[in-house]
Amino acid sequence: MITVLLVNLLTGFITNYIVHYKNDINPYKFTAIAMLTMVFILVPSYRYMSGRIEILVAKILVSGSYSFGKIFGLLISFTIIFSILFALYLQQWFHINLLTELKKLTFFNNL
């Protein structure tokens, strides 16, 4: 689950970067060129990132289980990773900074 979300987030950044350059170009030509470009960029990058991210997530989850115990450590590690991904998706999709919103809800708002 973590791997799919993270790879999708990273490929989303790449897609948004490519689509950002659509100024003053025929929409039909741009769509065809952008689609081909994304396939040539995203397919190899997905293959590369997927394996690397699985290894990274596994290492983080295992280190959490060593630090806090098997079940509790995995739960803490998963919660931290999922929370970071949640904040990144919230920023990408809705341009909402989760830390700023949480700060508004706490006493840190006055600082």
N, C-alpha and C. Protein backbone atom coordinates (compact mmCIF):
# COMPACT_ATOMS: atom_id res chain seq x y z
N MET A 1 0.82 -1.19 0.00
CA MET A 1 0.00 0.00 0.00
C MET A 1 0.87 1.26 0.00
N ILE A 2 1.87 1.27 0.86
CA ILE A 2 2.77 2.42 0.95
C ILE A 2 3.51 2.61 -0.37
N THR A 3 3.99 1.52 -0.95
CA THR A 3 4.73 1.59 -2.22
C THR A 3 3.87 2.17 -3.33
N VAL A 4 2.64 1.70 -3.44
CA VAL A 4 1.74 2.19 -4.48
C VAL A 4 1.48 3.68 -4.30
N LEU A 5 1.19 4.10 -3.07
CA LEU A 5 0.91 5.52 -2.81
C LEU A 5 2.12 6.39 -3.11
N LEU A 6 3.30 5.95 -2.69
CA LEU A 6 4.50 6.76 -2.89
C LEU A 6 4.88 6.84 -4.36
N VAL A 7 4.83 5.72 -5.07
CA VAL A 7 5.15 5.74 -6.50
C VAL A 7 4.14 6.59 -7.25
N ASN A 8 2.87 6.49 -6.90
CA ASN A 8 1.85 7.31 -7.54
C ASN A 8 2.10 8.79 -7.27
N LEU A 9 2.49 9.13 -6.06
CA LEU A 9 2.77 10.52 -5.72
C LEU A 9 3.95 11.04 -6.55
N LEU A 10 5.01 10.28 -6.63
CA LEU A 10 6.19 10.70 -7.38
C LEU A 10 5.89 10.82 -8.88
N THR A 11 5.16 9.85 -9.43
CA THR A 11 4.82 9.95 -10.85
C THR A 11 3.84 11.09 -11.09
N GLY A 12 3.01 11.41 -10.10
CA GLY A 12 2.11 12.56 -10.20
C GLY A 12 2.88 13.86 -10.30
N PHE A 13 3.96 13.97 -9.51
CA PHE A 13 4.81 15.16 -9.61
C PHE A 13 5.42 15.28 -11.01
N ILE A 14 5.86 14.17 -11.55
CA ILE A 14 6.44 14.17 -12.90
C ILE A 14 5.38 14.58 -13.93
N THR A 15 4.19 14.01 -13.81
CA THR A 15 3.11 14.33 -14.74
C THR A 15 2.74 15.81 -14.66
N ASN A 16 2.59 16.33 -13.46
CA ASN A 16 2.27 17.75 -13.30
C ASN A 16 3.35 18.65 -13.89
N TYR A 17 4.59 18.24 -13.75
CA TYR A 17 5.71 19.02 -14.30
C TYR A 17 5.62 19.07 -15.82
N ILE A 18 5.30 17.93 -16.43
CA ILE A 18 5.20 17.88 -17.89
C ILE A 18 4.01 18.71 -18.38
N VAL A 19 2.87 18.57 -17.72
CA VAL A 19 1.66 19.27 -18.14
C VAL A 19 1.80 20.78 -17.92
N HIS A 20 2.66 21.19 -17.05
CA HIS A 20 2.88 22.61 -16.75
C HIS A 20 3.34 23.39 -17.99
N TYR A 21 3.95 22.71 -18.94
CA TYR A 21 4.51 23.38 -20.12
C TYR A 21 3.56 23.40 -21.31
N LYS A 22 2.27 23.51 -21.08
CA LYS A 22 1.30 23.46 -22.16
C LYS A 22 0.96 24.83 -22.76
N ASN A 23 1.65 25.86 -22.39
CA ASN A 23 1.35 27.22 -22.87
C ASN A 23 1.56 27.34 -24.38
N ASP A 24 0.61 27.99 -25.04
CA ASP A 24 0.70 28.36 -26.46
C ASP A 24 1.02 27.19 -27.39
N ILE A 25 0.56 26.02 -27.05
CA ILE A 25 0.76 24.86 -27.92
C ILE A 25 -0.62 24.31 -28.28
N ASN A 26 -0.75 23.84 -29.50
CA ASN A 26 -1.98 23.21 -29.94
C ASN A 26 -2.33 22.09 -28.95
N PRO A 27 -3.55 22.09 -28.37
CA PRO A 27 -3.89 21.10 -27.35
C PRO A 27 -3.83 19.65 -27.85
N TYR A 28 -4.13 19.44 -29.11
CA TYR A 28 -4.11 18.08 -29.66
C TYR A 28 -2.67 17.56 -29.77
N LYS A 29 -1.80 18.43 -30.30
CA LYS A 29 -0.38 18.04 -30.41
C LYS A 29 0.23 17.87 -29.03
N PHE A 30 -0.07 18.81 -28.14
CA PHE A 30 0.51 18.74 -26.79
C PHE A 30 0.08 17.46 -26.09
N THR A 31 -1.21 17.11 -26.19
CA THR A 31 -1.71 15.91 -25.53
C THR A 31 -1.00 14.67 -26.04
N ALA A 32 -0.83 14.56 -27.35
CA ALA A 32 -0.15 13.40 -27.92
C ALA A 32 1.31 13.35 -27.50
N ILE A 33 1.99 14.48 -27.57
CA ILE A 33 3.41 14.53 -27.19
C ILE A 33 3.57 14.25 -25.69
N ALA A 34 2.71 14.85 -24.86
CA ALA A 34 2.80 14.65 -23.41
C ALA A 34 2.52 13.20 -23.03
N MET A 35 1.55 12.59 -23.68
CA MET A 35 1.25 11.18 -23.39
C MET A 35 2.44 10.29 -23.72
N LEU A 36 3.03 10.49 -24.88
CA LEU A 36 4.21 9.69 -25.25
C LEU A 36 5.38 9.94 -24.30
N THR A 37 5.58 11.22 -23.97
CA THR A 37 6.67 11.56 -23.06
C THR A 37 6.47 10.91 -21.70
N MET A 38 5.23 10.95 -21.20
CA MET A 38 4.97 10.35 -19.89
C MET A 38 5.19 8.85 -19.91
N VAL A 39 4.81 8.19 -20.98
CA VAL A 39 5.03 6.75 -21.06
C VAL A 39 6.53 6.45 -21.03
N PHE A 40 7.30 7.20 -21.82
CA PHE A 40 8.74 6.95 -21.86
C PHE A 40 9.44 7.34 -20.57
N ILE A 41 8.87 8.24 -19.80
CA ILE A 41 9.48 8.63 -18.52
C ILE A 41 8.93 7.78 -17.38
N LEU A 42 7.61 7.59 -17.33
CA LEU A 42 7.00 6.96 -16.17
C LEU A 42 7.19 5.45 -16.10
N VAL A 43 7.18 4.77 -17.21
CA VAL A 43 7.33 3.31 -17.16
C VAL A 43 8.69 2.91 -16.59
N PRO A 44 9.80 3.44 -17.10
CA PRO A 44 11.08 3.07 -16.49
C PRO A 44 11.22 3.59 -15.05
N SER A 45 10.71 4.79 -14.81
CA SER A 45 10.85 5.33 -13.46
C SER A 45 9.98 4.55 -12.48
N TYR A 46 8.82 4.08 -12.90
CA TYR A 46 7.98 3.27 -12.02
C TYR A 46 8.67 1.97 -11.69
N ARG A 47 9.24 1.33 -12.67
CA ARG A 47 9.96 0.07 -12.42
C ARG A 47 11.12 0.30 -11.46
N TYR A 48 11.87 1.35 -11.69
CA TYR A 48 13.02 1.66 -10.84
C TYR A 48 12.58 2.01 -9.42
N MET A 49 11.62 2.92 -9.31
CA MET A 49 11.20 3.40 -7.99
C MET A 49 10.47 2.33 -7.20
N SER A 50 9.69 1.50 -7.84
CA SER A 50 8.89 0.51 -7.14
C SER A 50 9.78 -0.43 -6.31
N GLY A 51 10.80 -0.97 -6.93
CA GLY A 51 11.71 -1.87 -6.22
C GLY A 51 12.46 -1.17 -5.10
N ARG A 52 12.96 0.02 -5.37
CA ARG A 52 13.70 0.78 -4.36
C ARG A 52 12.82 1.17 -3.18
N ILE A 53 11.60 1.59 -3.49
CA ILE A 53 10.70 2.02 -2.42
C ILE A 53 10.28 0.84 -1.56
N GLU A 54 10.04 -0.31 -2.17
CA GLU A 54 9.70 -1.50 -1.38
C GLU A 54 10.81 -1.84 -0.40
N ILE A 55 12.05 -1.75 -0.85
CA ILE A 55 13.19 -2.04 0.02
C ILE A 55 13.27 -1.01 1.14
N LEU A 56 13.11 0.27 0.81
CA LEU A 56 13.17 1.33 1.81
C LEU A 56 12.06 1.18 2.85
N VAL A 57 10.84 0.95 2.40
CA VAL A 57 9.71 0.80 3.33
C VAL A 57 9.93 -0.42 4.22
N ALA A 58 10.40 -1.51 3.65
CA ALA A 58 10.68 -2.71 4.46
C ALA A 58 11.73 -2.43 5.53
N LYS A 59 12.78 -1.69 5.17
CA LYS A 59 13.82 -1.35 6.15
C LYS A 59 13.26 -0.47 7.26
N ILE A 60 12.42 0.50 6.90
CA ILE A 60 11.83 1.39 7.91
C ILE A 60 10.91 0.60 8.84
N LEU A 61 10.09 -0.27 8.28
CA LEU A 61 9.18 -1.06 9.10
C LEU A 61 9.94 -2.01 10.01
N VAL A 62 10.99 -2.63 9.51
CA VAL A 62 11.79 -3.54 10.34
C VAL A 62 12.52 -2.78 11.44
N SER A 63 13.08 -1.61 11.12
CA SER A 63 13.77 -0.84 12.16
C SER A 63 12.78 -0.38 13.23
N GLY A 64 11.57 -0.04 12.83
CA GLY A 64 10.54 0.33 13.81
C GLY A 64 10.18 -0.84 14.70
N SER A 65 10.12 -2.03 14.13
CA SER A 65 9.78 -3.20 14.94
C SER A 65 10.90 -3.55 15.91
N TYR A 66 12.16 -3.28 15.53
CA TYR A 66 13.27 -3.50 16.45
C TYR A 66 13.28 -2.46 17.57
N SER A 67 12.88 -1.24 17.26
CA SER A 67 12.92 -0.16 18.25
C SER A 67 11.79 -0.23 19.26
N PHE A 68 10.60 -0.56 18.82
CA PHE A 68 9.42 -0.48 19.69
C PHE A 68 8.72 -1.81 19.90
N GLY A 69 9.29 -2.89 19.45
CA GLY A 69 8.61 -4.17 19.53
C GLY A 69 7.96 -4.50 18.19
N LYS A 70 7.72 -5.76 17.98
CA LYS A 70 7.30 -6.21 16.66
C LYS A 70 5.99 -5.55 16.20
N ILE A 71 4.92 -5.71 16.91
CA ILE A 71 3.62 -5.20 16.48
C ILE A 71 3.55 -3.69 16.63
N PHE A 72 3.90 -3.18 17.79
CA PHE A 72 3.81 -1.74 18.06
C PHE A 72 4.75 -0.95 17.16
N GLY A 73 5.94 -1.47 16.92
CA GLY A 73 6.91 -0.80 16.05
C GLY A 73 6.44 -0.73 14.61
N LEU A 74 5.87 -1.83 14.12
CA LEU A 74 5.32 -1.81 12.77
C LEU A 74 4.17 -0.82 12.66
N LEU A 75 3.33 -0.77 13.69
CA LEU A 75 2.21 0.16 13.69
C LEU A 75 2.68 1.61 13.71
N ILE A 76 3.67 1.92 14.53
CA ILE A 76 4.20 3.29 14.59
C ILE A 76 4.86 3.66 13.26
N SER A 77 5.68 2.77 12.72
CA SER A 77 6.36 3.05 11.45
C SER A 77 5.35 3.28 10.33
N PHE A 78 4.36 2.41 10.25
CA PHE A 78 3.33 2.54 9.22
C PHE A 78 2.57 3.85 9.38
N THR A 79 2.22 4.19 10.62
CA THR A 79 1.47 5.42 10.88
C THR A 79 2.28 6.65 10.48
N ILE A 80 3.56 6.66 10.77
CA ILE A 80 4.41 7.80 10.41
C ILE A 80 4.50 7.93 8.89
N ILE A 81 4.78 6.82 8.21
CA ILE A 81 4.90 6.86 6.74
C ILE A 81 3.57 7.29 6.12
N PHE A 82 2.47 6.71 6.60
CA PHE A 82 1.15 7.04 6.05
C PHE A 82 0.80 8.50 6.30
N SER A 83 1.16 9.02 7.47
CA SER A 83 0.89 10.43 7.79
C SER A 83 1.66 11.37 6.87
N ILE A 84 2.91 11.04 6.60
CA ILE A 84 3.71 11.86 5.69
C ILE A 84 3.10 11.83 4.29
N LEU A 85 2.72 10.65 3.83
CA LEU A 85 2.08 10.55 2.51
C LEU A 85 0.76 11.30 2.47
N PHE A 86 -0.02 11.22 3.55
CA PHE A 86 -1.28 11.95 3.62
C PHE A 86 -1.04 13.45 3.47
N ALA A 87 -0.04 13.97 4.18
CA ALA A 87 0.27 15.40 4.09
C ALA A 87 0.73 15.78 2.69
N LEU A 88 1.52 14.94 2.04
CA LEU A 88 1.99 15.22 0.69
C LEU A 88 0.85 15.20 -0.32
N TYR A 89 -0.04 14.21 -0.22
CA TYR A 89 -1.20 14.16 -1.12
C TYR A 89 -2.12 15.35 -0.89
N LEU A 90 -2.35 15.72 0.36
CA LEU A 90 -3.19 16.86 0.68
C LEU A 90 -2.63 18.14 0.06
N GLN A 91 -1.32 18.28 0.12
CA GLN A 91 -0.66 19.44 -0.48
C GLN A 91 -0.77 19.41 -2.00
N GLN A 92 -0.55 18.24 -2.60
CA GLN A 92 -0.57 18.15 -4.05
C GLN A 92 -1.98 18.33 -4.61
N TRP A 93 -2.97 17.73 -4.00
CA TRP A 93 -4.32 17.75 -4.55
C TRP A 93 -5.10 19.01 -4.20
N PHE A 94 -4.92 19.51 -2.99
CA PHE A 94 -5.74 20.63 -2.53
C PHE A 94 -4.94 21.86 -2.11
N HIS A 95 -3.62 21.80 -2.22
CA HIS A 95 -2.75 22.90 -1.84
C HIS A 95 -2.99 23.32 -0.38
N ILE A 96 -3.16 22.32 0.48
CA ILE A 96 -3.35 22.54 1.91
C ILE A 96 -2.12 22.02 2.64
N ASN A 97 -1.51 22.89 3.42
CA ASN A 97 -0.37 22.50 4.22
C ASN A 97 -0.89 21.96 5.55
N LEU A 98 -0.73 20.67 5.78
CA LEU A 98 -1.27 20.03 6.97
C LEU A 98 -0.66 20.59 8.24
N LEU A 99 0.64 20.87 8.23
CA LEU A 99 1.27 21.42 9.43
C LEU A 99 0.71 22.78 9.80
N THR A 100 0.45 23.61 8.79
CA THR A 100 -0.14 24.92 9.04
C THR A 100 -1.55 24.78 9.61
N GLU A 101 -2.32 23.85 9.07
CA GLU A 101 -3.68 23.63 9.55
C GLU A 101 -3.69 23.08 10.97
N LEU A 102 -2.76 22.18 11.27
CA LEU A 102 -2.68 21.65 12.63
C LEU A 102 -2.23 22.73 13.62
N LYS A 103 -1.35 23.59 13.16
CA LYS A 103 -0.89 24.68 14.01
C LYS A 103 -2.05 25.61 14.37
N LYS A 104 -2.95 25.83 13.44
CA LYS A 104 -4.12 26.68 13.69
C LYS A 104 -5.02 26.07 14.76
N LEU A 105 -5.05 24.76 14.85
CA LEU A 105 -5.92 24.08 15.80
C LEU A 105 -5.32 23.94 17.19
N THR A 106 -4.05 24.24 17.34
CA THR A 106 -3.38 24.07 18.63
C THR A 106 -3.03 25.42 19.23
N PHE A 107 -2.45 25.34 20.40
CA PHE A 107 -2.04 26.56 21.08
C PHE A 107 -0.82 27.20 20.44
N PHE A 108 -0.17 26.51 19.50
CA PHE A 108 0.98 27.08 18.80
C PHE A 108 0.58 28.22 17.86
N ASN A 109 -0.70 28.39 17.65
CA ASN A 109 -1.19 29.42 16.75
C ASN A 109 -0.78 30.81 17.22
N ASN A 110 -0.64 31.00 18.50
CA ASN A 110 -0.26 32.30 19.05
C ASN A 110 1.23 32.57 18.99
N LEU A 111 2.02 31.55 18.68
CA LEU A 111 3.48 31.73 18.65
C LEU A 111 3.93 32.33 17.35
